């Protein structure tokens, strides 16, 4: 998972370095495709991070931790995002 995150970060940096979005000579299509690719990579990166968190929580649950203990390292927003997945697994 770390390797996937590193690759995504490198790709995001490449797009951000390669194309300056404030450049007035960039046409609409170049601007759109650059923003599209950067945002797509950010979404994939966030999904990868959430998957890593979910795996960590499941590992803790598998080793006998209670639900509250397993999810205590998550922030409130992460708990809200992962809650539907965790409740279907537990119940």
PDB file of N, CA and C in Angstrom:
ATOM      1  N   UNK A   1       0.829  -1.195   0.000  1.00  0.00           N
ATOM      2  CA  UNK A   1       0.000   0.000   0.000  1.00  0.00           C
ATOM      3  C   UNK A   1       0.871   1.256   0.000  1.00  0.00           C
ATOM      4  N   UNK A   2       1.974   1.210   0.736  1.00  0.00           N
ATOM      5  CA  UNK A   2       2.854   2.378   0.779  1.00  0.00           C
ATOM      6  C   UNK A   2       3.435   2.666  -0.593  1.00  0.00           C
ATOM      7  N   UNK A   3       3.747   1.612  -1.326  1.00  0.00           N
ATOM      8  CA  UNK A   3       4.303   1.785  -2.664  1.00  0.00           C
ATOM      9  C   UNK A   3       3.274   2.432  -3.588  1.00  0.00           C
ATOM     10  N   UNK A   4       2.016   2.057  -3.454  1.00  0.00           N
ATOM     11  CA  UNK A   4       0.960   2.659  -4.261  1.00  0.00           C
ATOM     12  C   UNK A   4       0.837   4.144  -3.931  1.00  0.00           C
ATOM     13  N   UNK A   5       0.839   4.475  -2.638  1.00  0.00           N
ATOM     14  CA  UNK A   5       0.741   5.877  -2.228  1.00  0.00           C
ATOM     15  C   UNK A   5       1.919   6.695  -2.737  1.00  0.00           C
ATOM     16  N   UNK A   6       3.125   6.126  -2.675  1.00  0.00           N
ATOM     17  CA  UNK A   6       4.303   6.839  -3.174  1.00  0.00           C
ATOM     18  C   UNK A   6       4.204   7.098  -4.673  1.00  0.00           C
ATOM     19  N   UNK A   7       3.742   6.108  -5.403  1.00  0.00           N
ATOM     20  CA  UNK A   7       3.587   6.259  -6.852  1.00  0.00           C
ATOM     21  C   UNK A   7       2.561   7.341  -7.180  1.00  0.00           C
ATOM     22  N   UNK A   8       1.448   7.339  -6.456  1.00  0.00           N
ATOM     23  CA  UNK A   8       0.425   8.361  -6.687  1.00  0.00           C
ATOM     24  C   UNK A   8       0.948   9.753  -6.360  1.00  0.00           C
ATOM     25  N   UNK A   9       1.691   9.883  -5.266  1.00  0.00           N
ATOM     26  CA  UNK A   9       2.262  11.184  -4.901  1.00  0.00           C
ATOM     27  C   UNK A   9       3.225  11.679  -5.969  1.00  0.00           C
ATOM     28  N   UNK A  10       4.043  10.781  -6.503  1.00  0.00           N
ATOM     29  CA  UNK A  10       4.976  11.163  -7.567  1.00  0.00           C
ATOM     30  C   UNK A  10       4.229  11.620  -8.812  1.00  0.00           C
ATOM     31  N   UNK A  11       3.166  10.912  -9.164  1.00  0.00           N
ATOM     32  CA  UNK A  11       2.382  11.285 -10.348  1.00  0.00           C
ATOM     33  C   UNK A  11       1.708  12.638 -10.160  1.00  0.00           C
ATOM     34  N   UNK A  12       1.183  12.890  -8.966  1.00  0.00           N
ATOM     35  CA  UNK A  12       0.566  14.189  -8.691  1.00  0.00           C
ATOM     36  C   UNK A  12       1.607  15.291  -8.807  1.00  0.00           C
ATOM     37  N   UNK A  13       2.770  15.072  -8.222  1.00  0.00           N
ATOM     38  CA  UNK A  13       3.841  16.074  -8.288  1.00  0.00           C
ATOM     39  C   UNK A  13       4.272  16.319  -9.722  1.00  0.00           C
ATOM     40  N   UNK A  14       4.319  15.270 -10.515  1.00  0.00           N
ATOM     41  CA  UNK A  14       4.709  15.410 -11.919  1.00  0.00           C
ATOM     42  C   UNK A  14       3.726  16.300 -12.664  1.00  0.00           C
ATOM     43  N   UNK A  15       2.438  16.038 -12.491  1.00  0.00           N
ATOM     44  CA  UNK A  15       1.431  16.864 -13.165  1.00  0.00           C
ATOM     45  C   UNK A  15       1.478  18.307 -12.680  1.00  0.00           C
ATOM     46  N   UNK A  16       1.622  18.502 -11.369  1.00  0.00           N
ATOM     47  CA  UNK A  16       1.628  19.864 -10.840  1.00  0.00           C
ATOM     48  C   UNK A  16       2.869  20.626 -11.276  1.00  0.00           C
ATOM     49  N   UNK A  17       4.016  19.918 -11.384  1.00  0.00           N
ATOM     50  CA  UNK A  17       5.250  20.577 -11.811  1.00  0.00           C
ATOM     51  C   UNK A  17       5.281  20.818 -13.311  1.00  0.00           C
ATOM     52  N   UNK A  18       4.732  19.877 -14.055  1.00  0.00           N
ATOM     53  CA  UNK A  18       4.796  19.955 -15.506  1.00  0.00           C
ATOM     54  C   UNK A  18       3.893  21.049 -16.073  1.00  0.00           C
ATOM     55  N   UNK A  19       2.751  21.237 -15.448  1.00  0.00           N
ATOM     56  CA  UNK A  19       1.782  22.198 -15.971  1.00  0.00           C
ATOM     57  C   UNK A  19       1.479  23.250 -14.922  1.00  0.00           C
ATOM     58  N   UNK A  20       1.693  24.483 -15.291  1.00  0.00           N
ATOM     59  CA  UNK A  20       1.375  25.602 -14.414  1.00  0.00           C
ATOM     60  C   UNK A  20      -0.041  26.065 -14.748  1.00  0.00           C
ATOM     61  N   UNK A  21      -0.966  25.854 -13.826  1.00  0.00           N
ATOM     62  CA  UNK A  21      -2.369  26.163 -14.098  1.00  0.00           C
ATOM     63  C   UNK A  21      -2.637  27.667 -14.194  1.00  0.00           C
ATOM     64  N   UNK A  22      -1.707  28.468 -13.721  1.00  0.00           N
ATOM     65  CA  UNK A  22      -1.888  29.920 -13.833  1.00  0.00           C
ATOM     66  C   UNK A  22      -1.322  30.470 -15.150  1.00  0.00           C
ATOM     67  N   UNK A  23      -0.761  29.609 -15.970  1.00  0.00           N
ATOM     68  CA  UNK A  23      -0.201  30.015 -17.256  1.00  0.00           C
ATOM     69  C   UNK A  23      -1.332  30.384 -18.218  1.00  0.00           C
ATOM     70  N   UNK A  24      -1.342  31.615 -18.681  1.00  0.00           N
ATOM     71  CA  UNK A  24      -2.426  32.084 -19.559  1.00  0.00           C
ATOM     72  C   UNK A  24      -2.321  31.514 -20.976  1.00  0.00           C
ATOM     73  N   UNK A  25      -1.175  30.959 -21.334  1.00  0.00           N
ATOM     74  CA  UNK A  25      -1.044  30.399 -22.675  1.00  0.00           C
ATOM     75  C   UNK A  25      -1.635  28.985 -22.769  1.00  0.00           C
ATOM     76  N   UNK A  26      -1.982  28.407 -21.628  1.00  0.00           N
ATOM     77  CA  UNK A  26      -2.579  27.065 -21.625  1.00  0.00           C
ATOM     78  C   UNK A  26      -4.024  27.174 -22.102  1.00  0.00           C
ATOM     79  N   UNK A  27      -4.371  26.350 -23.082  1.00  0.00           N
ATOM     80  CA  UNK A  27      -5.740  26.410 -23.586  1.00  0.00           C
ATOM     81  C   UNK A  27      -6.686  25.642 -22.657  1.00  0.00           C
ATOM     82  N   UNK A  28      -7.956  25.742 -22.953  1.00  0.00           N
ATOM     83  CA  UNK A  28      -8.994  25.143 -22.115  1.00  0.00           C
ATOM     84  C   UNK A  28      -8.808  23.642 -21.974  1.00  0.00           C
ATOM     85  N   UNK A  29      -8.512  22.953 -23.062  1.00  0.00           N
ATOM     86  CA  UNK A  29      -8.391  21.498 -23.040  1.00  0.00           C
ATOM     87  C   UNK A  29      -7.198  21.039 -22.208  1.00  0.00           C
ATOM     88  N   UNK A  30      -6.073  21.730 -22.348  1.00  0.00           N
ATOM     89  CA  UNK A  30      -4.900  21.395 -21.541  1.00  0.00           C
ATOM     90  C   UNK A  30      -5.189  21.625 -20.056  1.00  0.00           C
ATOM     91  N   UNK A  31      -5.828  22.741 -19.758  1.00  0.00           N
ATOM     92  CA  UNK A  31      -6.154  23.066 -18.373  1.00  0.00           C
ATOM     93  C   UNK A  31      -7.094  22.006 -17.789  1.00  0.00           C
ATOM     94  N   UNK A  32      -8.143  21.671 -18.514  1.00  0.00           N
ATOM     95  CA  UNK A  32      -9.121  20.702 -18.032  1.00  0.00           C
ATOM     96  C   UNK A  32      -8.494  19.338 -17.803  1.00  0.00           C
ATOM     97  N   UNK A  33      -7.711  18.863 -18.764  1.00  0.00           N
ATOM     98  CA  UNK A  33      -7.121  17.532 -18.635  1.00  0.00           C
ATOM     99  C   UNK A  33      -6.118  17.486 -17.495  1.00  0.00           C
ATOM    100  N   UNK A  34      -5.406  18.567 -17.260  1.00  0.00           N
ATOM    101  CA  UNK A  34      -4.461  18.611 -16.140  1.00  0.00           C
ATOM    102  C   UNK A  34      -5.197  18.558 -14.816  1.00  0.00           C
ATOM    103  N   UNK A  35      -6.211  19.371 -14.668  1.00  0.00           N
ATOM    104  CA  UNK A  35      -7.000  19.362 -13.429  1.00  0.00           C
ATOM    105  C   UNK A  35      -7.664  18.005 -13.238  1.00  0.00           C
ATOM    106  N   UNK A  36      -8.194  17.454 -14.306  1.00  0.00           N
ATOM    107  CA  UNK A  36      -8.859  16.148 -14.244  1.00  0.00           C
ATOM    108  C   UNK A  36      -7.903  15.064 -13.745  1.00  0.00           C
ATOM    109  N   UNK A  37      -6.717  15.007 -14.318  1.00  0.00           N
ATOM    110  CA  UNK A  37      -5.759  13.970 -13.938  1.00  0.00           C
ATOM    111  C   UNK A  37      -5.256  14.150 -12.504  1.00  0.00           C
ATOM    112  N   UNK A  38      -4.985  15.370 -12.118  1.00  0.00           N
ATOM    113  CA  UNK A  38      -4.518  15.616 -10.748  1.00  0.00           C
ATOM    114  C   UNK A  38      -5.599  15.233  -9.747  1.00  0.00           C
ATOM    115  N   UNK A  39      -6.834  15.612 -10.003  1.00  0.00           N
ATOM    116  CA  UNK A  39      -7.923  15.272  -9.080  1.00  0.00           C
ATOM    117  C   UNK A  39      -8.199  13.772  -9.063  1.00  0.00           C
ATOM    118  N   UNK A  40      -8.097  13.126 -10.209  1.00  0.00           N
ATOM    119  CA  UNK A  40      -8.280  11.671 -10.260  1.00  0.00           C
ATOM    120  C   UNK A  40      -7.207  10.981  -9.418  1.00  0.00           C
ATOM    121  N   UNK A  41      -5.970  11.449  -9.517  1.00  0.00           N
ATOM    122  CA  UNK A  41      -4.892  10.875  -8.725  1.00  0.00           C
ATOM    123  C   UNK A  41      -5.104  11.127  -7.229  1.00  0.00           C
ATOM    124  N   UNK A  42      -5.605  12.299  -6.882  1.00  0.00           N
ATOM    125  CA  UNK A  42      -5.876  12.594  -5.469  1.00  0.00           C
ATOM    126  C   UNK A  42      -6.981  11.694  -4.921  1.00  0.00           C
ATOM    127  N   UNK A  43      -7.996  11.439  -5.723  1.00  0.00           N
ATOM    128  CA  UNK A  43      -9.080  10.534  -5.306  1.00  0.00           C
ATOM    129  C   UNK A  43      -8.529   9.132  -5.085  1.00  0.00           C
ATOM    130  N   UNK A  44      -7.713   8.659  -6.013  1.00  0.00           N
ATOM    131  CA  UNK A  44      -7.113   7.336  -5.862  1.00  0.00           C
ATOM    132  C   UNK A  44      -6.222   7.260  -4.629  1.00  0.00           C
ATOM    133  N   UNK A  45      -5.504   8.333  -4.387  1.00  0.00           N
ATOM    134  CA  UNK A  45      -4.632   8.386  -3.207  1.00  0.00           C
ATOM    135  C   UNK A  45      -5.461   8.320  -1.924  1.00  0.00           C
ATOM    136  N   UNK A  46      -6.541   9.049  -1.860  1.00  0.00           N
ATOM    137  CA  UNK A  46      -7.405   9.043  -0.681  1.00  0.00           C
ATOM    138  C   UNK A  46      -8.045   7.664  -0.494  1.00  0.00           C
ATOM    139  N   UNK A  47      -8.468   7.037  -1.580  1.00  0.00           N
ATOM    140  CA  UNK A  47      -9.040   5.695  -1.493  1.00  0.00           C
ATOM    141  C   UNK A  47      -8.008   4.697  -0.976  1.00  0.00           C
ATOM    142  N   UNK A  48      -6.788   4.837  -1.411  1.00  0.00           N
ATOM    143  CA  UNK A  48      -5.721   3.958  -0.949  1.00  0.00           C
ATOM    144  C   UNK A  48      -5.466   4.153   0.542  1.00  0.00           C
ATOM    145  N   UNK A  49      -5.496   5.397   1.002  1.00  0.00           N
ATOM    146  CA  UNK A  49      -5.313   5.676   2.427  1.00  0.00           C
ATOM    147  C   UNK A  49      -6.464   5.093   3.242  1.00  0.00           C
ATOM    148  N   UNK A  50      -7.678   5.236   2.753  1.00  0.00           N
ATOM    149  CA  UNK A  50      -8.837   4.689   3.463  1.00  0.00           C
ATOM    150  C   UNK A  50      -8.773   3.166   3.516  1.00  0.00           C
ATOM    151  N   UNK A  51      -8.329   2.553   2.443  1.00  0.00           N
ATOM    152  CA  UNK A  51      -8.189   1.104   2.423  1.00  0.00           C
ATOM    153  C   UNK A  51      -7.146   0.653   3.443  1.00  0.00           C
ATOM    154  N   UNK A  52      -6.057   1.385   3.546  1.00  0.00           N
ATOM    155  CA  UNK A  52      -5.029   1.066   4.549  1.00  0.00           C
ATOM    156  C   UNK A  52      -5.600   1.167   5.958  1.00  0.00           C
ATOM    157  N   UNK A  53      -6.390   2.192   6.210  1.00  0.00           N
ATOM    158  CA  UNK A  53      -7.016   2.355   7.528  1.00  0.00           C
ATOM    159  C   UNK A  53      -7.981   1.220   7.810  1.00  0.00           C
ATOM    160  N   UNK A  54      -8.761   0.852   6.821  1.00  0.00           N
ATOM    161  CA  UNK A  54      -9.718  -0.237   6.978  1.00  0.00           C
ATOM    162  C   UNK A  54      -9.003  -1.553   7.272  1.00  0.00           C
ATOM    163  N   UNK A  55      -7.913  -1.807   6.580  1.00  0.00           N
ATOM    164  CA  UNK A  55      -7.130  -3.017   6.825  1.00  0.00           C
ATOM    165  C   UNK A  55      -6.578  -3.014   8.248  1.00  0.00           C
ATOM    166  N   UNK A  56      -6.107  -1.871   8.698  1.00  0.00           N
ATOM    167  CA  UNK A  56      -5.580  -1.752  10.063  1.00  0.00           C
ATOM    168  C   UNK A  56      -6.663  -2.046  11.105  1.00  0.00           C
ATOM    169  N   UNK A  57      -7.845  -1.477  10.906  1.00  0.00           N
ATOM    170  CA  UNK A  57      -8.955  -1.701  11.839  1.00  0.00           C
ATOM    171  C   UNK A  57      -9.367  -3.171  11.827  1.00  0.00           C
ATOM    172  N   UNK A  58      -9.470  -3.762  10.654  1.00  0.00           N
ATOM    173  CA  UNK A  58      -9.847  -5.169  10.559  1.00  0.00           C
ATOM    174  C   UNK A  58      -8.806  -6.073  11.217  1.00  0.00           C
ATOM    175  N   UNK A  59      -7.545  -5.710  11.073  1.00  0.00           N
ATOM    176  CA  UNK A  59      -6.478  -6.472  11.721  1.00  0.00           C
ATOM    177  C   UNK A  59      -6.639  -6.431  13.237  1.00  0.00           C
ATOM    178  N   UNK A  60      -6.932  -5.238  13.770  1.00  0.00           N
ATOM    179  CA  UNK A  60      -7.130  -5.102  15.217  1.00  0.00           C
ATOM    180  C   UNK A  60      -8.342  -5.894  15.677  1.00  0.00           C
ATOM    181  N   UNK A  61      -9.430  -5.838  14.917  1.00  0.00           N
ATOM    182  CA  UNK A  61     -10.630  -6.597  15.269  1.00  0.00           C
ATOM    183  C   UNK A  61     -10.366  -8.101  15.218  1.00  0.00           C
ATOM    184  N   UNK A  62      -9.597  -8.518  14.242  1.00  0.00           N
ATOM    185  CA  UNK A  62      -9.275  -9.934  14.098  1.00  0.00           C
ATOM    186  C   UNK A  62      -8.427 -10.437  15.267  1.00  0.00           C
ATOM    187  N   UNK A  63      -7.646  -9.536  15.855  1.00  0.00           N
ATOM    188  CA  UNK A  63      -6.804  -9.905  16.989  1.00  0.00           C
ATOM    189  C   UNK A  63      -7.513  -9.728  18.323  1.00  0.00           C
ATOM    190  N   UNK A  64      -8.830  -9.528  18.300  1.00  0.00           N
ATOM    191  CA  UNK A  64      -9.616  -9.523  19.526  1.00  0.00           C
ATOM    192  C   UNK A  64      -9.918  -8.169  20.132  1.00  0.00           C
ATOM    193  N   UNK A  65      -9.547  -7.095  19.473  1.00  0.00           N
ATOM    194  CA  UNK A  65      -9.841  -5.767  20.008  1.00  0.00           C
ATOM    195  C   UNK A  65     -11.336  -5.469  19.851  1.00  0.00           C
ATOM    196  N   UNK A  66     -11.872  -4.693  20.773  1.00  0.00           N
ATOM    197  CA  UNK A  66     -13.262  -4.246  20.658  1.00  0.00           C
ATOM    198  C   UNK A  66     -13.336  -3.176  19.569  1.00  0.00           C
ATOM    199  N   UNK A  67     -14.535  -2.970  19.062  1.00  0.00           N
ATOM    200  CA  UNK A  67     -14.736  -2.011  17.966  1.00  0.00           C
ATOM    201  C   UNK A  67     -14.206  -0.626  18.333  1.00  0.00           C
ATOM    202  N   UNK A  68     -14.493  -0.160  19.560  1.00  0.00           N
ATOM    203  CA  UNK A  68     -14.050   1.174  19.985  1.00  0.00           C
ATOM    204  C   UNK A  68     -12.522   1.260  20.027  1.00  0.00           C
ATOM    205  N   UNK A  69     -11.881   0.200  20.493  1.00  0.00           N
ATOM    206  CA  UNK A  69     -10.416   0.172  20.538  1.00  0.00           C
ATOM    207  C   UNK A  69      -9.820   0.172  19.135  1.00  0.00           C
ATOM    208  N   UNK A  70     -10.421  -0.589  18.269  1.00  0.00           N
ATOM    209  CA  UNK A  70      -9.892  -0.721  16.910  1.00  0.00           C
ATOM    210  C   UNK A  70     -10.008   0.570  16.115  1.00  0.00           C
ATOM    211  N   UNK A  71     -11.007   1.378  16.442  1.00  0.00           N
ATOM    212  CA  UNK A  71     -11.228   2.610  15.667  1.00  0.00           C
ATOM    213  C   UNK A  71     -10.773   3.868  16.389  1.00  0.00           C
ATOM    214  N   UNK A  72     -10.126   3.755  17.535  1.00  0.00           N
ATOM    215  CA  UNK A  72      -9.747   4.941  18.298  1.00  0.00           C
ATOM    216  C   UNK A  72      -8.683   5.794  17.603  1.00  0.00           C
ATOM    217  N   UNK A  73      -7.896   5.199  16.717  1.00  0.00           N
ATOM    218  CA  UNK A  73      -6.861   5.966  16.019  1.00  0.00           C
ATOM    219  C   UNK A  73      -7.414   6.770  14.844  1.00  0.00           C
ATOM    220  N   UNK A  74      -8.669   6.533  14.476  1.00  0.00           N
ATOM    221  CA  UNK A  74      -9.281   7.232  13.345  1.00  0.00           C
ATOM    222  C   UNK A  74      -9.852   8.576  13.792  1.00  0.00           C
ATOM    223  N   UNK A  75      -9.819   9.541  12.884  1.00  0.00           N
ATOM    224  CA  UNK A  75     -10.463  10.825  13.164  1.00  0.00           C
ATOM    225  C   UNK A  75     -11.969  10.658  12.986  1.00  0.00           C
ATOM    226  N   UNK A  76     -12.714  11.670  13.402  1.00  0.00           N
ATOM    227  CA  UNK A  76     -14.174  11.600  13.301  1.00  0.00           C
ATOM    228  C   UNK A  76     -14.626  11.455  11.851  1.00  0.00           C
ATOM    229  N   UNK A  77     -14.019  12.211  10.952  1.00  0.00           N
ATOM    230  CA  UNK A  77     -14.417  12.145   9.540  1.00  0.00           C
ATOM    231  C   UNK A  77     -14.060  10.790   8.927  1.00  0.00           C
ATOM    232  N   UNK A  78     -12.929  10.218   9.332  1.00  0.00           N
ATOM    233  CA  UNK A  78     -12.557   8.896   8.831  1.00  0.00           C
ATOM    234  C   UNK A  78     -13.535   7.829   9.337  1.00  0.00           C
ATOM    235  N   UNK A  79     -13.973   7.972  10.576  1.00  0.00           N
ATOM    236  CA  UNK A  79     -14.956   7.036  11.121  1.00  0.00           C
ATOM    237  C   UNK A  79     -16.277   7.124  10.360  1.00  0.00           C
ATOM    238  N   UNK A  80     -16.674   8.337  10.016  1.00  0.00           N
ATOM    239  CA  UNK A  80     -17.923   8.525   9.264  1.00  0.00           C
ATOM    240  C   UNK A  80     -17.821   7.859   7.893  1.00  0.00           C
ATOM    241  N   UNK A  81     -16.674   8.009   7.249  1.00  0.00           N
ATOM    242  CA  UNK A  81     -16.482   7.430   5.918  1.00  0.00           C
ATOM    243  C   UNK A  81     -16.433   5.902   5.988  1.00  0.00           C
ATOM    244  N   UNK A  82     -15.727   5.364   6.969  1.00  0.00           N
ATOM    245  CA  UNK A  82     -15.538   3.914   7.057  1.00  0.00           C
ATOM    246  C   UNK A  82     -16.671   3.190   7.780  1.00  0.00           C
ATOM    247  N   UNK A  83     -17.534   3.914   8.482  1.00  0.00           N
ATOM    248  CA  UNK A  83     -18.587   3.302   9.275  1.00  0.00           C
ATOM    249  C   UNK A  83     -19.486   2.341   8.485  1.00  0.00           C
ATOM    250  N   UNK A  84     -19.960   2.698   7.290  1.00  0.00           N
ATOM    251  CA  UNK A  84     -20.811   1.752   6.553  1.00  0.00           C
ATOM    252  C   UNK A  84     -20.111   0.416   6.258  1.00  0.00           C
ATOM    253  N   UNK A  85     -18.820   0.463   5.961  1.00  0.00           N
ATOM    254  CA  UNK A  85     -18.079  -0.759   5.674  1.00  0.00           C
ATOM    255  C   UNK A  85     -17.873  -1.582   6.939  1.00  0.00           C
ATOM    256  N   UNK A  86     -17.540  -0.894   8.022  1.00  0.00           N
ATOM    257  CA  UNK A  86     -17.266  -1.605   9.280  1.00  0.00           C
ATOM    258  C   UNK A  86     -18.523  -2.210   9.867  1.00  0.00           C
ATOM    259  N   UNK A  87     -19.644  -1.514   9.788  1.00  0.00           N
ATOM    260  CA  UNK A  87     -20.869  -2.056  10.391  1.00  0.00           C
ATOM    261  C   UNK A  87     -21.375  -3.279   9.620  1.00  0.00           C
ATOM    262  N   UNK A  88     -21.171  -3.318   8.318  1.00  0.00           N
ATOM    263  CA  UNK A  88     -21.610  -4.503   7.578  1.00  0.00           C
ATOM    264  C   UNK A  88     -20.723  -5.710   7.877  1.00  0.00           C
ATOM    265  N   UNK A  89     -19.479  -5.466   8.204  1.00  0.00           N
ATOM    266  CA  UNK A  89     -18.573  -6.558   8.533  1.00  0.00           C
ATOM    267  C   UNK A  89     -18.855  -7.095   9.937  1.00  0.00           C
ATOM    268  N   UNK A  90     -19.121  -6.200  10.870  1.00  0.00           N
ATOM    269  CA  UNK A  90     -19.294  -6.586  12.269  1.00  0.00           C
ATOM    270  C   UNK A  90     -20.648  -7.223  12.515  1.00  0.00           C
ATOM    271  N   UNK A  91     -21.693  -6.697  11.899  1.00  0.00           N
ATOM    272  CA  UNK A  91     -23.043  -7.175  12.217  1.00  0.00           C
ATOM    273  C   UNK A  91     -23.559  -8.138  11.216  1.00  0.00           C
TER     274      UNK A  91
END
